[in-house]
Amino acid sequence: MTPTMQQVTMLDIGNNIDKKLTFIDFNIDSELFPKQPQSNSLFSKVLASNPFPIRLLELKNDEIKIGDETKHVFATFSIDQITFLEIDIYRSAVRTAPLALLSSRYTLYVHLVANEKPFFMLNDDIQALGKLVSSLNLKKIHLVDEMNLMKHLAQLDELDNQLFEELAKDTKFFMPLQIVGSNARV
């Protein structure tokens, strides 16, 4: 299988998030996604660290704020201003230790449009999806869910290659994703 190549935004997030995928931490009603691994091992902490600045989407009291790599909030809008939401999952291969075999990494893809501006976001925690969609009024939003994730939210806790391939079959998300310019937070 030839992977799909995607470039991710690393700098100047506010001017690039509408054109390129961007890793975003989600803070939804004071719950942070992805959850950082708890470990006392220095080796584990080094493996889990991401050397790139992380952006933040904060959803609180029906308002969304998106901050850039310098923590400057460059977008603020209410959830009622969201007109489009696309949700899917990318799969890529990562090493979780220097000599370990490759394993699958699942990355949540969220494309939303608010005030006619698109935002292309990635999050390393699939569980963020349930919390995000429960906070939105989906009746007012055009939802694109190519993988039928909304019907399988409860199963996403146990996402593995078999379930992923069932959900991604016949979609553009079936092919592995190779992210250019980014490392995985494991």
C-alpha atoms as a PDB file:
ATOM      1  CA  MET A   1       0.000   0.000   0.000  1.00  0.00           C
ATOM      2  CA  THR A   2       1.330   3.391  -0.952  1.00  0.00           C
ATOM      3  CA  PRO A   3       0.680   5.895   1.819  1.00  0.00           C
ATOM      4  CA  THR A   4      -1.140   9.148   1.286  1.00  0.00           C
ATOM      5  CA  MET A   5       1.263  12.048   1.877  1.00  0.00           C
ATOM      6  CA  GLN A   6       0.030  15.125   3.740  1.00  0.00           C
ATOM      7  CA  GLN A   7       1.954  18.158   4.874  1.00  0.00           C
ATOM      8  CA  VAL A   8       1.039  19.510   8.282  1.00  0.00           C
ATOM      9  CA  THR A   9       1.172  23.094   9.484  1.00  0.00           C
ATOM     10  CA  MET A  10       4.049  23.722  11.866  1.00  0.00           C
ATOM     11  CA  LEU A  11       4.322  27.525  11.926  1.00  0.00           C
ATOM     12  CA  ASP A  12       2.047  30.477  11.240  1.00  0.00           C
ATOM     13  CA  ILE A  13      -0.947  28.359  12.209  1.00  0.00           C
ATOM     14  CA  GLY A  14      -3.499  31.146  11.901  1.00  0.00           C
ATOM     15  CA  ASN A  15      -2.635  31.660   8.224  1.00  0.00           C
ATOM     16  CA  ASN A  16      -2.283  27.978   7.322  1.00  0.00           C
ATOM     17  CA  ILE A  17      -4.946  26.005   9.237  1.00  0.00           C
ATOM     18  CA  ASP A  18      -7.414  26.702   6.422  1.00  0.00           C
ATOM     19  CA  LYS A  19      -5.091  25.074   3.854  1.00  0.00           C
ATOM     20  CA  LYS A  20      -3.140  22.331   5.680  1.00  0.00           C
ATOM     21  CA  LEU A  21      -3.712  19.763   8.381  1.00  0.00           C
ATOM     22  CA  THR A  22      -2.785  21.053  11.840  1.00  0.00           C
ATOM     23  CA  PHE A  23      -2.281  19.121  15.065  1.00  0.00           C
ATOM     24  CA  ILE A  24      -4.573  20.677  17.649  1.00  0.00           C
ATOM     25  CA  ASP A  25      -5.071  19.752  21.278  1.00  0.00           C
ATOM     26  CA  PHE A  26      -8.754  19.921  22.191  1.00  0.00           C
ATOM     27  CA  ASN A  27      -9.835  21.338  25.538  1.00  0.00           C
ATOM     28  CA  ILE A  28     -13.534  20.518  25.663  1.00  0.00           C
ATOM     29  CA  ASP A  29     -15.289  21.649  28.831  1.00  0.00           C
ATOM     30  CA  SER A  30     -11.954  21.482  30.709  1.00  0.00           C
ATOM     31  CA  GLU A  31     -11.119  17.958  29.490  1.00  0.00           C
ATOM     32  CA  LEU A  32      -7.887  17.845  27.471  1.00  0.00           C
ATOM     33  CA  PHE A  33      -7.408  15.598  24.432  1.00  0.00           C
ATOM     34  CA  PRO A  34      -5.026  13.927  23.921  1.00  0.00           C
ATOM     35  CA  LYS A  35      -4.475  12.919  27.478  1.00  0.00           C
ATOM     36  CA  GLN A  36      -0.786  12.984  28.254  1.00  0.00           C
ATOM     37  CA  PRO A  37       0.725   9.626  29.257  1.00  0.00           C
ATOM     38  CA  GLN A  38       1.415   9.282  32.949  1.00  0.00           C
ATOM     39  CA  SER A  39       4.899   7.958  33.533  1.00  0.00           C
ATOM     40  CA  ASN A  40       7.765   8.513  35.904  1.00  0.00           C
ATOM     41  CA  SER A  41      10.279   7.110  33.431  1.00  0.00           C
ATOM     42  CA  LEU A  42      12.516   9.731  31.813  1.00  0.00           C
ATOM     43  CA  PHE A  43      12.784   7.501  28.733  1.00  0.00           C
ATOM     44  CA  SER A  44       8.973   7.373  28.396  1.00  0.00           C
ATOM     45  CA  LYS A  45       8.701  11.132  28.844  1.00  0.00           C
ATOM     46  CA  VAL A  46      11.257  11.725  26.079  1.00  0.00           C
ATOM     47  CA  LEU A  47       9.367   9.390  23.736  1.00  0.00           C
ATOM     48  CA  ALA A  48       6.049  11.064  24.551  1.00  0.00           C
ATOM     49  CA  SER A  49       7.245  14.614  24.105  1.00  0.00           C
ATOM     50  CA  ASN A  50       6.474  16.496  20.946  1.00  0.00           C
ATOM     51  CA  PRO A  51       9.183  19.003  20.028  1.00  0.00           C
ATOM     52  CA  PHE A  52       6.751  21.093  18.002  1.00  0.00           C
ATOM     53  CA  PRO A  53       4.532  23.801  19.454  1.00  0.00           C
ATOM     54  CA  ILE A  54       1.009  22.520  19.933  1.00  0.00           C
ATOM     55  CA  ARG A  55      -2.065  24.534  19.108  1.00  0.00           C
ATOM     56  CA  LEU A  56      -5.242  24.506  21.171  1.00  0.00           C
ATOM     57  CA  LEU A  57      -8.939  24.464  20.403  1.00  0.00           C
ATOM     58  CA  GLU A  58     -10.951  25.369  23.478  1.00  0.00           C
ATOM     59  CA  LEU A  59     -14.686  24.687  23.546  1.00  0.00           C
ATOM     60  CA  LYS A  60     -16.438  26.122  26.574  1.00  0.00           C
ATOM     61  CA  ASN A  61     -19.915  27.574  27.095  1.00  0.00           C
ATOM     62  CA  ASP A  62     -20.851  27.102  23.403  1.00  0.00           C
ATOM     63  CA  GLU A  63     -17.841  29.151  22.267  1.00  0.00           C
ATOM     64  CA  ILE A  64     -14.785  27.914  20.408  1.00  0.00           C
ATOM     65  CA  LYS A  65     -11.399  29.605  20.540  1.00  0.00           C
ATOM     66  CA  ILE A  66      -8.446  28.426  18.477  1.00  0.00           C
ATOM     67  CA  GLY A  67      -4.933  29.467  19.442  1.00  0.00           C
ATOM     68  CA  ASP A  68      -1.719  29.298  17.456  1.00  0.00           C
ATOM     69  CA  GLU A  69       1.776  28.108  18.318  1.00  0.00           C
ATOM     70  CA  THR A  70       2.391  31.247  20.417  1.00  0.00           C
ATOM     71  CA  LYS A  71      -0.922  30.773  22.286  1.00  0.00           C
ATOM     72  CA  HIS A  72      -2.397  33.784  20.457  1.00  0.00           C
ATOM     73  CA  VAL A  73      -6.142  33.214  19.873  1.00  0.00           C
ATOM     74  CA  PHE A  74      -6.719  33.844  16.173  1.00  0.00           C
ATOM     75  CA  ALA A  75     -10.259  32.502  15.807  1.00  0.00           C
ATOM     76  CA  THR A  76     -13.298  32.806  18.075  1.00  0.00           C
ATOM     77  CA  PHE A  77     -16.811  31.737  17.156  1.00  0.00           C
ATOM     78  CA  SER A  78     -19.927  30.222  18.689  1.00  0.00           C
ATOM     79  CA  ILE A  79     -20.930  26.657  17.909  1.00  0.00           C
ATOM     80  CA  ASP A  80     -24.015  28.098  16.167  1.00  0.00           C
ATOM     81  CA  GLN A  81     -21.677  29.596  13.556  1.00  0.00           C
ATOM     82  CA  ILE A  82     -20.418  26.149  12.494  1.00  0.00           C
ATOM     83  CA  THR A  83     -22.058  25.176   9.217  1.00  0.00           C
ATOM     84  CA  PHE A  84     -19.973  22.159   8.152  1.00  0.00           C
ATOM     85  CA  LEU A  85     -18.246  19.322   9.988  1.00  0.00           C
ATOM     86  CA  GLU A  86     -16.334  16.408   8.487  1.00  0.00           C
ATOM     87  CA  ILE A  87     -15.012  13.692  10.789  1.00  0.00           C
ATOM     88  CA  ASP A  88     -12.839  10.713   9.934  1.00  0.00           C
ATOM     89  CA  ILE A  89      -9.766   8.845  11.118  1.00  0.00           C
ATOM     90  CA  TYR A  90      -6.365   8.534   9.524  1.00  0.00           C
ATOM     91  CA  ARG A  91      -4.090   5.558  10.152  1.00  0.00           C
ATOM     92  CA  SER A  92      -0.308   5.813  10.038  1.00  0.00           C
ATOM     93  CA  ALA A  93       2.593   3.667  11.184  1.00  0.00           C
ATOM     94  CA  VAL A  94       4.814   4.689  14.099  1.00  0.00           C
ATOM     95  CA  ARG A  95       7.500   3.213  16.294  1.00  0.00           C
ATOM     96  CA  THR A  96       6.707   3.445  19.994  1.00  0.00           C
ATOM     97  CA  ALA A  97      10.288   2.727  21.051  1.00  0.00           C
ATOM     98  CA  PRO A  98      13.603   3.038  19.233  1.00  0.00           C
ATOM     99  CA  LEU A  99      13.850  -0.660  18.305  1.00  0.00           C
ATOM    100  CA  ALA A 100      10.169  -1.586  18.328  1.00  0.00           C
ATOM    101  CA  LEU A 101       8.255  -2.807  15.315  1.00  0.00           C
ATOM    102  CA  LEU A 102       5.904  -0.429  13.585  1.00  0.00           C
ATOM    103  CA  SER A 103       2.435  -0.160  15.061  1.00  0.00           C
ATOM    104  CA  SER A 104      -0.694   1.631  13.914  1.00  0.00           C
ATOM    105  CA  ARG A 105      -1.475   5.124  15.073  1.00  0.00           C
ATOM    106  CA  TYR A 106      -5.019   6.430  14.657  1.00  0.00           C
ATOM    107  CA  THR A 107      -5.469  10.176  14.289  1.00  0.00           C
ATOM    108  CA  LEU A 108      -8.785  11.974  14.433  1.00  0.00           C
ATOM    109  CA  TYR A 109      -9.432  14.245  11.441  1.00  0.00           C
ATOM    110  CA  VAL A 110     -11.818  17.158  11.971  1.00  0.00           C
ATOM    111  CA  HIS A 111     -12.625  19.609   9.200  1.00  0.00           C
ATOM    112  CA  LEU A 112     -15.032  22.285  10.282  1.00  0.00           C
ATOM    113  CA  VAL A 113     -16.245  25.481   8.677  1.00  0.00           C
ATOM    114  CA  ALA A 114     -17.337  28.450  10.774  1.00  0.00           C
ATOM    115  CA  ASN A 115     -18.094  31.893   9.383  1.00  0.00           C
ATOM    116  CA  GLU A 116     -17.145  30.511   5.942  1.00  0.00           C
ATOM    117  CA  LYS A 117     -13.568  29.783   7.118  1.00  0.00           C
ATOM    118  CA  PRO A 118     -12.335  26.175   7.024  1.00  0.00           C
ATOM    119  CA  PHE A 119     -10.208  24.609   9.768  1.00  0.00           C
ATOM    120  CA  PHE A 120      -8.338  21.326   9.069  1.00  0.00           C
ATOM    121  CA  MET A 121      -7.403  19.686  12.364  1.00  0.00           C
ATOM    122  CA  LEU A 122      -5.801  16.492  13.633  1.00  0.00           C
ATOM    123  CA  ASN A 123      -5.890  15.128  17.169  1.00  0.00           C
ATOM    124  CA  ASP A 124      -4.074  12.047  18.455  1.00  0.00           C
ATOM    125  CA  ASP A 125      -6.938  11.031  20.764  1.00  0.00           C
ATOM    126  CA  ILE A 126      -9.886   9.341  19.044  1.00  0.00           C
ATOM    127  CA  GLN A 127     -11.926   9.744  22.251  1.00  0.00           C
ATOM    128  CA  ALA A 128     -12.077  13.491  21.587  1.00  0.00           C
ATOM    129  CA  LEU A 129     -14.663  12.786  18.884  1.00  0.00           C
ATOM    130  CA  GLY A 130     -17.438  11.713  21.254  1.00  0.00           C
ATOM    131  CA  LYS A 131     -16.895  14.695  23.521  1.00  0.00           C
ATOM    132  CA  LEU A 132     -16.717  17.109  20.564  1.00  0.00           C
ATOM    133  CA  VAL A 133     -19.893  15.965  18.809  1.00  0.00           C
ATOM    134  CA  SER A 134     -21.857  15.809  22.070  1.00  0.00           C
ATOM    135  CA  SER A 135     -21.044  19.504  22.546  1.00  0.00           C
ATOM    136  CA  LEU A 136     -22.248  20.570  19.093  1.00  0.00           C
ATOM    137  CA  ASN A 137     -25.770  21.042  17.766  1.00  0.00           C
ATOM    138  CA  LEU A 138     -25.470  18.620  14.857  1.00  0.00           C
ATOM    139  CA  LYS A 139     -28.986  19.408  13.616  1.00  0.00           C
ATOM    140  CA  LYS A 140     -27.728  22.766  12.322  1.00  0.00           C
ATOM    141  CA  ILE A 141     -24.473  21.435  10.849  1.00  0.00           C
ATOM    142  CA  HIS A 142     -23.904  19.695   7.518  1.00  0.00           C
ATOM    143  CA  LEU A 143     -22.134  16.537   8.743  1.00  0.00           C
ATOM    144  CA  VAL A 144     -19.862  14.453   6.508  1.00  0.00           C
ATOM    145  CA  ASP A 145     -19.028  11.138   8.156  1.00  0.00           C
ATOM    146  CA  GLU A 146     -17.592   8.965   5.404  1.00  0.00           C
ATOM    147  CA  MET A 147     -16.572   6.226   7.855  1.00  0.00           C
ATOM    148  CA  ASN A 148     -19.894   6.244   9.777  1.00  0.00           C
ATOM    149  CA  LEU A 149     -18.065   7.061  12.994  1.00  0.00           C
ATOM    150  CA  MET A 150     -21.205   8.471  14.614  1.00  0.00           C
ATOM    151  CA  LYS A 151     -22.752   4.991  14.512  1.00  0.00           C
ATOM    152  CA  HIS A 152     -19.618   3.436  16.023  1.00  0.00           C
ATOM    153  CA  LEU A 153     -18.639   5.906  18.774  1.00  0.00           C
ATOM    154  CA  ALA A 154     -18.857   3.236  21.480  1.00  0.00           C
ATOM    155  CA  GLN A 155     -16.567   0.900  19.513  1.00  0.00           C
ATOM    156  CA  LEU A 156     -13.831   3.489  18.994  1.00  0.00           C
ATOM    157  CA  ASP A 157     -12.457   2.695  22.481  1.00  0.00           C
ATOM    158  CA  GLU A 158     -11.306  -0.608  20.981  1.00  0.00           C
ATOM    159  CA  LEU A 159     -10.135   0.675  17.597  1.00  0.00           C
ATOM    160  CA  ASP A 160      -7.716  -1.756  15.977  1.00  0.00           C
ATOM    161  CA  ASN A 161      -6.666  -2.526  12.398  1.00  0.00           C
ATOM    162  CA  GLN A 162      -9.621  -4.827  11.757  1.00  0.00           C
ATOM    163  CA  LEU A 163     -12.250  -2.309  12.901  1.00  0.00           C
ATOM    164  CA  PHE A 164     -10.430   0.535  11.169  1.00  0.00           C
ATOM    165  CA  GLU A 165     -10.384  -1.372   7.863  1.00  0.00           C
ATOM    166  CA  GLU A 166     -14.105  -2.143   8.168  1.00  0.00           C
ATOM    167  CA  LEU A 167     -14.904   1.518   8.757  1.00  0.00           C
ATOM    168  CA  ALA A 168     -12.467   2.912   6.179  1.00  0.00           C
ATOM    169  CA  LYS A 169     -13.272   0.437   3.382  1.00  0.00           C
ATOM    170  CA  ASP A 170     -14.033   2.250   0.121  1.00  0.00           C
ATOM    171  CA  THR A 171     -13.057   5.654   1.569  1.00  0.00           C
ATOM    172  CA  LYS A 172     -10.047   7.885   0.959  1.00  0.00           C
ATOM    173  CA  PHE A 173      -9.017   7.219   4.577  1.00  0.00           C
ATOM    174  CA  PHE A 174      -8.236   3.537   3.965  1.00  0.00           C
ATOM    175  CA  MET A 175      -4.730   4.250   2.656  1.00  0.00           C
ATOM    176  CA  PRO A 176      -2.110   4.880   5.351  1.00  0.00           C
ATOM    177  CA  LEU A 177      -1.249   8.493   6.013  1.00  0.00           C
ATOM    178  CA  GLN A 178       2.339   9.655   6.018  1.00  0.00           C
ATOM    179  CA  ILE A 179       2.562  12.981   7.783  1.00  0.00           C
ATOM    180  CA  VAL A 180       5.391  15.129   6.482  1.00  0.00           C
ATOM    181  CA  GLY A 181       7.010  17.436   9.021  1.00  0.00           C
ATOM    182  CA  SER A 182       5.641  15.906  12.183  1.00  0.00           C
ATOM    183  CA  ASN A 183       6.429  13.204  14.692  1.00  0.00           C
ATOM    184  CA  ALA A 184       3.946  11.200  16.703  1.00  0.00           C
ATOM    185  CA  ARG A 185       3.122  11.825  20.319  1.00  0.00           C
ATOM    186  CA  VAL A 186       2.910   8.335  21.750  1.00  0.00           C
END
